[in-house]
Protein backbone atom coordinates (compact mmCIF):
# COMPACT_ATOMS: atom_id res chain seq x y z
CA MET A 1 -17.04 49.02 -11.30
CA ASN A 2 -18.29 46.97 -14.24
CA LEU A 3 -19.02 43.24 -14.29
CA TYR A 4 -15.64 42.30 -15.76
CA GLU A 5 -13.70 44.08 -13.03
CA SER A 6 -15.90 42.46 -10.38
CA VAL A 7 -15.19 38.97 -11.78
CA VAL A 8 -11.46 39.70 -11.98
CA LYS A 9 -11.42 40.86 -8.37
CA LEU A 10 -13.41 37.78 -7.30
CA PHE A 11 -10.99 35.40 -9.01
CA TYR A 12 -8.04 37.24 -7.51
CA GLN A 13 -9.49 36.94 -4.01
CA LEU A 14 -10.36 33.26 -4.51
CA ALA A 15 -6.85 32.48 -5.69
CA ASN A 16 -5.34 34.20 -2.67
CA ALA A 17 -7.79 32.40 -0.37
CA PHE A 18 -6.58 29.03 -1.68
CA PHE A 19 -2.92 29.81 -1.08
CA TRP A 20 -2.70 28.72 2.56
CA PRO A 21 -4.70 25.48 2.15
CA VAL A 22 -2.53 24.54 -0.83
CA ALA A 23 0.70 25.51 0.95
CA ILE A 24 -0.18 23.61 4.14
CA ALA A 25 -1.31 20.52 2.20
CA LEU A 26 1.85 20.59 0.11
CA LEU A 27 4.12 20.86 3.15
CA LEU A 28 2.28 18.10 5.03
CA LEU A 29 2.36 15.72 2.06
CA PHE A 30 6.02 16.52 1.46
CA ALA A 31 6.85 15.65 5.06
CA TYR A 32 4.73 12.49 4.83
CA SER A 33 6.49 11.42 1.63
CA LEU A 34 9.88 11.70 3.35
CA LEU A 35 8.55 9.72 6.30
CA ASP A 36 7.17 7.10 3.91
CA LEU A 37 10.54 6.88 2.19
CA GLY A 38 12.16 6.29 5.58
CA ARG A 39 9.66 3.50 6.28
CA LEU A 40 10.49 1.96 2.91
CA LEU A 41 14.23 2.00 3.62
CA TYR A 42 13.65 0.47 7.05
CA ALA A 43 11.50 -2.27 5.50
CA ALA A 44 14.21 -2.88 2.88
CA VAL A 45 16.79 -3.43 5.62
CA LYS A 46 14.46 -5.85 7.41
CA ARG A 47 13.85 -7.75 4.18
CA GLN A 48 17.58 -8.09 3.62
CA ARG A 49 18.07 -9.50 7.12
CA ALA A 50 14.98 -11.74 7.03
CA PRO A 51 15.73 -15.45 6.60
CA ARG A 52 14.94 -17.17 3.32
CA THR A 53 11.89 -19.39 3.68
CA ASP A 54 11.85 -22.90 2.24
CA LEU A 55 8.20 -23.05 1.23
CA MET A 56 8.22 -26.80 0.61
CA ALA A 57 9.64 -27.60 4.04
CA LEU A 58 7.36 -25.03 5.67
CA ALA A 59 4.27 -26.52 4.01
CA GLN A 60 5.23 -30.03 5.12
CA THR A 61 5.81 -28.89 8.70
CA LEU A 62 2.55 -26.98 8.87
CA ALA A 63 0.61 -29.89 7.37
CA HIS A 64 2.08 -32.29 9.92
CA ARG A 65 1.30 -29.98 12.84
CA LEU A 66 -2.19 -29.25 11.56
CA GLU A 67 -2.94 -32.97 11.45
CA ARG A 68 -1.88 -33.31 15.07
CA ASN A 69 -3.69 -30.25 16.43
CA ALA A 70 -5.36 -27.71 14.16
CA ALA A 71 -6.21 -25.37 17.03
CA SER A 72 -2.67 -25.12 18.37
CA ARG A 73 -1.16 -21.67 18.73
CA ASN A 74 2.37 -23.00 18.26
CA LEU A 75 2.23 -24.10 14.63
CA LEU A 76 5.07 -21.76 13.75
CA GLU A 77 7.21 -22.54 16.79
CA GLY A 78 10.85 -22.83 15.81
CA ILE A 79 10.20 -21.71 12.21
CA ALA A 80 11.86 -18.58 10.83
CA LEU A 81 9.59 -16.69 8.44
CA SER A 82 9.62 -13.43 6.55
CA PRO A 83 7.44 -10.68 8.09
CA ALA A 84 4.84 -11.03 5.31
CA LEU A 85 4.44 -14.80 5.70
CA GLN A 86 4.43 -14.43 9.49
CA ARG A 87 1.57 -11.93 9.32
CA PHE A 88 -0.31 -14.06 6.79
CA TRP A 89 -0.16 -17.25 8.81
CA THR A 90 -0.98 -15.44 12.06
CA ARG A 91 -4.26 -14.36 10.48
CA VAL A 92 -4.97 -17.92 9.36
CA GLU A 93 -4.27 -19.18 12.88
CA GLU A 94 -6.73 -16.67 14.33
CA ARG A 95 -9.49 -18.27 12.25
CA LEU A 96 -8.33 -21.77 13.16
CA GLN A 97 -8.50 -20.85 16.85
CA VAL A 98 -12.14 -19.89 16.44
CA LEU A 99 -13.11 -22.98 14.49
CA ALA A 100 -10.73 -25.44 16.18
CA SER A 101 -10.69 -27.39 12.89
CA SER A 102 -8.86 -27.41 9.56
CA ALA A 103 -11.75 -28.91 7.61
CA ASP A 104 -12.30 -25.73 5.59
CA LEU A 105 -8.71 -24.56 5.65
CA ASP A 106 -8.69 -23.88 1.91
CA LEU A 107 -11.53 -21.35 2.32
CA TRP A 108 -9.77 -19.53 5.15
CA LEU A 109 -6.52 -19.46 3.20
CA ASP A 110 -8.32 -17.95 0.21
CA GLU A 111 -10.07 -15.40 2.41
CA THR A 112 -6.81 -14.37 4.06
CA LEU A 113 -5.16 -14.03 0.66
CA ARG A 114 -7.92 -11.70 -0.45
CA ARG A 115 -7.46 -9.59 2.68
CA GLU A 116 -3.73 -9.36 2.02
CA GLU A 117 -4.34 -8.34 -1.61
CA LEU A 118 -6.84 -5.69 -0.51
CA GLU A 119 -4.39 -4.21 2.00
CA ARG A 120 -1.61 -4.11 -0.58
CA THR A 121 -3.92 -2.45 -3.11
CA THR A 122 -5.04 0.17 -0.57
CA GLU A 123 -1.45 0.99 0.36
CA LEU A 124 -0.40 1.25 -3.28
CA ASP A 125 -3.41 3.41 -4.17
CA ARG A 126 -2.34 5.92 -1.53
CA SER A 127 1.16 6.12 -3.03
CA ARG A 128 -0.25 6.42 -6.55
CA ALA A 129 -2.49 9.26 -5.41
CA PHE A 130 0.54 11.17 -4.11
CA VAL A 131 2.22 10.76 -7.50
CA ARG A 132 -0.62 12.74 -9.10
CA ILE A 133 -1.49 15.11 -6.25
CA GLY A 134 2.09 16.36 -5.80
CA PRO A 135 2.42 18.09 -9.20
CA MET A 136 -1.13 19.44 -8.95
CA LEU A 137 -0.44 21.12 -5.62
CA GLY A 138 2.95 22.29 -6.85
CA LEU A 139 1.39 23.88 -9.91
CA ALA A 140 -1.32 25.55 -7.82
CA GLY A 141 1.30 26.79 -5.37
CA THR A 142 3.24 28.27 -8.29
CA ILE A 143 0.39 29.97 -10.10
CA ILE A 144 -1.33 31.49 -7.06
CA PRO A 145 1.62 33.78 -6.10
CA LEU A 146 1.85 35.06 -9.68
CA GLY A 147 -1.13 37.35 -9.10
CA PRO A 148 0.43 39.19 -6.15
CA ALA A 149 3.77 39.18 -7.98
CA LEU A 150 2.26 40.99 -10.95
CA GLN A 151 0.53 43.42 -8.62
CA SER A 152 3.89 44.15 -7.00
CA LEU A 153 5.44 44.63 -10.43
CA LEU A 154 2.78 47.15 -11.39
CA GLY A 155 3.39 49.00 -8.13
CA GLY A 156 7.15 49.05 -8.66
CA ASP A 157 7.82 46.82 -5.67
CA MET A 158 10.51 44.57 -7.16
CA ALA A 159 11.43 43.04 -3.80
CA GLY A 160 7.83 42.00 -3.20
CA MET A 161 7.60 40.50 -6.69
CA VAL A 162 10.77 38.45 -6.15
CA ASN A 163 9.49 37.16 -2.82
CA HIS A 164 6.24 35.95 -4.43
CA LEU A 165 8.14 34.26 -7.26
CA VAL A 166 10.46 32.52 -4.80
CA VAL A 167 7.43 31.09 -3.02
CA GLY A 168 6.03 29.86 -6.33
CA PHE A 169 9.28 28.19 -7.39
CA GLY A 170 9.61 26.54 -3.98
CA ALA A 171 6.09 25.15 -4.26
CA VAL A 172 6.69 23.54 -7.64
CA VAL A 173 9.97 22.02 -6.46
CA CYS A 174 8.26 20.52 -3.39
CA GLY A 175 5.47 19.15 -5.56
CA LEU A 176 7.87 17.51 -8.02
CA VAL A 177 10.05 16.02 -5.28
CA LEU A 178 6.94 14.73 -3.52
CA SER A 179 5.74 13.11 -6.74
CA GLY A 180 9.15 11.58 -7.48
CA VAL A 181 9.49 10.07 -4.01
CA ALA A 182 5.94 8.68 -4.16
CA TYR A 183 6.59 7.18 -7.59
CA TYR A 184 9.75 5.42 -6.40
CA VAL A 185 8.01 4.13 -3.27
CA THR A 186 5.12 2.86 -5.39
CA LEU A 187 7.40 0.97 -7.78
CA VAL A 188 9.29 -0.74 -4.97
CA ARG A 189 6.16 -1.67 -3.04
CA GLU A 190 4.49 -3.04 -6.17
CA ARG A 191 7.47 -5.34 -6.73
CA TRP A 192 7.46 -6.45 -3.10
CA ALA A 193 3.71 -7.02 -3.16
CA ARG A 194 3.96 -9.27 -6.21
CA VAL A 195 6.71 -11.34 -4.60
CA GLU A 196 4.99 -11.63 -1.22
CA LEU A 197 1.57 -12.51 -2.63
CA LYS A 198 3.17 -15.15 -4.88
CA GLU A 199 4.89 -16.67 -1.83
CA MET A 200 1.59 -16.77 0.04
CA GLU A 201 -0.18 -18.42 -2.90
CA ASP A 202 2.59 -21.00 -3.27
CA LEU A 203 2.50 -21.76 0.44
CA CYS A 204 -1.27 -22.29 0.32
CA GLU A 205 -0.98 -24.60 -2.69
CA LEU A 206 1.84 -26.65 -1.18
CA LEU A 207 0.08 -26.86 2.19
CA MET A 208 -3.15 -28.16 0.67
CA ARG A 209 -1.24 -30.74 -1.38
CA ASN A 210 0.58 -32.02 1.68
CA LEU A 211 -2.66 -32.24 3.66
CA GLN A 212 -4.27 -34.20 0.83
CA LYS A 213 -1.33 -36.60 0.73
CA GLN A 214 -1.54 -37.15 4.49
CA ASN A 215 -5.25 -37.84 4.23
CA GLY A 216 -4.70 -40.28 1.39
CA ASN A 217 -6.71 -38.21 -1.12
CA HIS A 218 -5.59 -37.53 -4.63
CA PRO A 219 -5.80 -33.80 -5.51
CA ALA A 220 -7.95 -34.51 -8.58
CA GLU A 221 -10.40 -36.53 -6.52
CA VAL A 222 -10.64 -33.83 -3.88
CA ASN A 223 -11.18 -31.12 -6.46
CA GLY A 224 -13.85 -33.18 -8.19
CA HIS A 225 -15.63 -33.72 -4.89
CA LYS A 226 -15.55 -29.97 -4.14
CA GLU A 227 -16.85 -29.11 -7.62
CA ALA A 228 -19.76 -31.48 -7.08
CA GLN A 229 -20.51 -29.81 -3.75
CA TYR A 230 -20.40 -26.34 -5.28
CA ALA A 231 -22.60 -27.47 -8.19
CA SER A 232 -25.22 -28.72 -5.75
CA LEU A 233 -25.27 -25.34 -4.04
CA ARG A 234 -25.96 -23.37 -7.22
């Protein structure tokens, strides 16, 4: 056996060795993509049923309750919120419970916003990865059975060749469907993330303005005072 034949045999064995890892990964990701699509549809139904939030009224109510008792756990009592805003403010309240003060509320709001953005980015990155991984696994699952199919063809085993080709075609279909589902899920979640993060930012801005009005401070004066503090820290 010469060197060329040895390399050909090695590549053939390596390709066959990768078949089961590729097939298992493809089936698991395909099942996960369908589960993720179900989660998306469930979230869509919840969003449709969630009450519309009046950010201006919510900011005024929160500012009034914060002035009375910043460490209270009932700041959202009697207020209907969307799941995203509910989760966001719950995280802010956890920090307020520790500090028992709203003196640095703007910092905690900014920190919570960054955490929300990071979580959205991580979730979207996972969906984007599936968009690219799906066709790659589908292509690998299609090409790998071609070797045994050609071997069957050379041996005159037509039934064996057809079986190998059927496996290859099934793999590419699963990969493309997986990629399509992940792409749709990514588009929808990107749109939702933009809307939810904008709502959180607007709520933070309105809340800080209402707190400044209650304290009798003009926003420009407060911002100028903060800039002076930050400049002294540099």
